[in-house]
Amino acid sequence: MNKMKHVENKLGLCIACIVLVCVVATIGSSTNTPWLQMPFEAFNGIAFSFGYFFRLSATWAYVCSSVFFISLFAVSFWLGRIVVRFFSRQR
């Protein structure tokens, strides 16, 4: 049972990383920047969106952007674990 939890955590982490990379690539691909700068562009783009649409100061916009990416990673990790658990019980 404990081994299955370890596998669920690993695969959930892989799924969360894939989702995060896909979101960053989608947001960062709209600019003409090198691949290594795409995470910064995505972070700044989300911060700009929060600041512009919700009329937040720069500090709060970056805080909201950080919370957005952390919660995106956490939710996709949680959903990844659920999907792995669902498919592992189907055998």
C-alpha atoms as a PDB file:
ATOM      1  CA  MET A   1       0.000   0.000   0.000  1.00  0.00           C
ATOM      2  CA  ASN A   2       2.810   2.406   0.899  1.00  0.00           C
ATOM      3  CA  LYS A   3       4.569   1.646  -2.382  1.00  0.00           C
ATOM      4  CA  MET A   4       1.443   2.625  -4.311  1.00  0.00           C
ATOM      5  CA  LYS A   5       1.329   5.993  -2.526  1.00  0.00           C
ATOM      6  CA  HIS A   6       4.944   6.564  -3.546  1.00  0.00           C
ATOM      7  CA  VAL A   7       4.100   5.803  -7.188  1.00  0.00           C
ATOM      8  CA  GLU A   8       1.025   8.067  -7.012  1.00  0.00           C
ATOM      9  CA  ASN A   9       3.169  10.908  -5.676  1.00  0.00           C
ATOM     10  CA  LYS A  10       5.816  10.471  -8.373  1.00  0.00           C
ATOM     11  CA  LEU A  11       3.333  10.339 -11.219  1.00  0.00           C
ATOM     12  CA  GLY A  12       1.316  13.188  -9.733  1.00  0.00           C
ATOM     13  CA  LEU A  13       4.495  15.253  -9.601  1.00  0.00           C
ATOM     14  CA  CYS A  14       5.270  14.387 -13.252  1.00  0.00           C
ATOM     15  CA  ILE A  15       1.759  15.376 -14.337  1.00  0.00           C
ATOM     16  CA  ALA A  16       1.975  18.635 -12.366  1.00  0.00           C
ATOM     17  CA  CYS A  17       5.303  19.481 -14.004  1.00  0.00           C
ATOM     18  CA  ILE A  18       3.916  18.719 -17.467  1.00  0.00           C
ATOM     19  CA  VAL A  19       0.885  20.952 -16.853  1.00  0.00           C
ATOM     20  CA  LEU A  20       3.085  23.755 -15.530  1.00  0.00           C
ATOM     21  CA  VAL A  21       5.472  23.537 -18.492  1.00  0.00           C
ATOM     22  CA  CYS A  22       2.548  23.526 -20.940  1.00  0.00           C
ATOM     23  CA  VAL A  23       0.974  26.602 -19.338  1.00  0.00           C
ATOM     24  CA  VAL A  24       4.299  28.446 -19.267  1.00  0.00           C
ATOM     25  CA  ALA A  25       4.998  27.499 -22.895  1.00  0.00           C
ATOM     26  CA  THR A  26       1.534  28.632 -23.949  1.00  0.00           C
ATOM     27  CA  ILE A  27       1.813  31.980 -22.210  1.00  0.00           C
ATOM     28  CA  GLY A  28       5.476  32.520 -23.087  1.00  0.00           C
ATOM     29  CA  SER A  29       5.162  31.543 -26.735  1.00  0.00           C
ATOM     30  CA  SER A  30       3.292  34.751 -27.516  1.00  0.00           C
ATOM     31  CA  THR A  31       6.535  36.709 -27.172  1.00  0.00           C
ATOM     32  CA  ASN A  32       9.725  36.516 -29.192  1.00  0.00           C
ATOM     33  CA  THR A  33      12.013  35.337 -26.400  1.00  0.00           C
ATOM     34  CA  PRO A  34      14.425  32.433 -25.938  1.00  0.00           C
ATOM     35  CA  TRP A  35      13.097  29.278 -24.296  1.00  0.00           C
ATOM     36  CA  LEU A  36      14.941  29.949 -21.062  1.00  0.00           C
ATOM     37  CA  GLN A  37      13.215  33.308 -20.625  1.00  0.00           C
ATOM     38  CA  MET A  38       9.698  31.952 -21.167  1.00  0.00           C
ATOM     39  CA  PRO A  39       9.057  31.255 -17.461  1.00  0.00           C
ATOM     40  CA  PHE A  40       9.914  34.880 -16.644  1.00  0.00           C
ATOM     41  CA  GLU A  41       7.715  36.139 -19.466  1.00  0.00           C
ATOM     42  CA  ALA A  42       4.829  33.948 -18.325  1.00  0.00           C
ATOM     43  CA  PHE A  43       5.230  35.099 -14.727  1.00  0.00           C
ATOM     44  CA  ASN A  44       5.378  38.745 -15.776  1.00  0.00           C
ATOM     45  CA  GLY A  45       2.430  38.278 -18.149  1.00  0.00           C
ATOM     46  CA  ILE A  46       0.222  36.864 -15.413  1.00  0.00           C
ATOM     47  CA  ALA A  47       1.362  39.596 -13.023  1.00  0.00           C
ATOM     48  CA  PHE A  48       0.544  42.239 -15.636  1.00  0.00           C
ATOM     49  CA  SER A  49      -2.898  40.710 -16.149  1.00  0.00           C
ATOM     50  CA  PHE A  50      -3.640  40.780 -12.438  1.00  0.00           C
ATOM     51  CA  GLY A  51      -2.358  44.319 -12.143  1.00  0.00           C
ATOM     52  CA  TYR A  52      -4.237  45.614 -15.157  1.00  0.00           C
ATOM     53  CA  PHE A  53      -7.583  43.890 -14.738  1.00  0.00           C
ATOM     54  CA  PHE A  54      -7.861  44.129 -10.954  1.00  0.00           C
ATOM     55  CA  ARG A  55      -6.038  47.475 -10.615  1.00  0.00           C
ATOM     56  CA  LEU A  56      -3.460  46.040  -8.216  1.00  0.00           C
ATOM     57  CA  SER A  57      -0.117  47.538  -7.344  1.00  0.00           C
ATOM     58  CA  ALA A  58       2.984  45.832  -8.739  1.00  0.00           C
ATOM     59  CA  THR A  59       3.746  44.080  -5.460  1.00  0.00           C
ATOM     60  CA  TRP A  60       0.261  42.600  -5.161  1.00  0.00           C
ATOM     61  CA  ALA A  61       0.232  41.639  -8.827  1.00  0.00           C
ATOM     62  CA  TYR A  62       3.437  39.623  -8.385  1.00  0.00           C
ATOM     63  CA  VAL A  63       2.088  38.045  -5.200  1.00  0.00           C
ATOM     64  CA  CYS A  64      -1.078  37.018  -7.055  1.00  0.00           C
ATOM     65  CA  SER A  65       1.000  35.678  -9.932  1.00  0.00           C
ATOM     66  CA  SER A  66       3.031  33.576  -7.496  1.00  0.00           C
ATOM     67  CA  VAL A  67      -0.127  32.268  -5.855  1.00  0.00           C
ATOM     68  CA  PHE A  68      -1.550  31.471  -9.293  1.00  0.00           C
ATOM     69  CA  PHE A  69       1.429  29.324 -10.311  1.00  0.00           C
ATOM     70  CA  ILE A  70       1.680  27.614  -6.923  1.00  0.00           C
ATOM     71  CA  SER A  71      -2.029  26.770  -6.885  1.00  0.00           C
ATOM     72  CA  LEU A  72      -1.869  25.621 -10.532  1.00  0.00           C
ATOM     73  CA  PHE A  73       0.926  23.230  -9.589  1.00  0.00           C
ATOM     74  CA  ALA A  74      -0.886  22.010  -6.456  1.00  0.00           C
ATOM     75  CA  VAL A  75      -4.217  21.435  -8.200  1.00  0.00           C
ATOM     76  CA  SER A  76      -2.613  19.622 -11.136  1.00  0.00           C
ATOM     77  CA  PHE A  77      -0.612  17.460  -8.686  1.00  0.00           C
ATOM     78  CA  TRP A  78      -3.796  16.589  -6.827  1.00  0.00           C
ATOM     79  CA  LEU A  79      -5.691  15.802 -10.050  1.00  0.00           C
ATOM     80  CA  GLY A  80      -2.740  13.766 -11.313  1.00  0.00           C
ATOM     81  CA  ARG A  81      -2.792  11.639  -8.170  1.00  0.00           C
ATOM     82  CA  ILE A  82      -6.536  11.084  -8.573  1.00  0.00           C
ATOM     83  CA  VAL A  83      -6.112  10.017 -12.215  1.00  0.00           C
ATOM     84  CA  VAL A  84      -3.270   7.642 -11.330  1.00  0.00           C
ATOM     85  CA  ARG A  85      -5.289   6.174  -8.473  1.00  0.00           C
ATOM     86  CA  PHE A  86      -8.304   5.720 -10.773  1.00  0.00           C
ATOM     87  CA  PHE A  87      -6.354   3.933 -13.497  1.00  0.00           C
ATOM     88  CA  SER A  88      -4.387   1.782 -11.049  1.00  0.00           C
ATOM     89  CA  ARG A  89      -7.628   0.414  -9.552  1.00  0.00           C
ATOM     90  CA  GLN A  90      -9.015  -0.542 -12.947  1.00  0.00           C
ATOM     91  CA  ARG A  91      -6.672  -3.535 -13.267  1.00  0.00           C
END
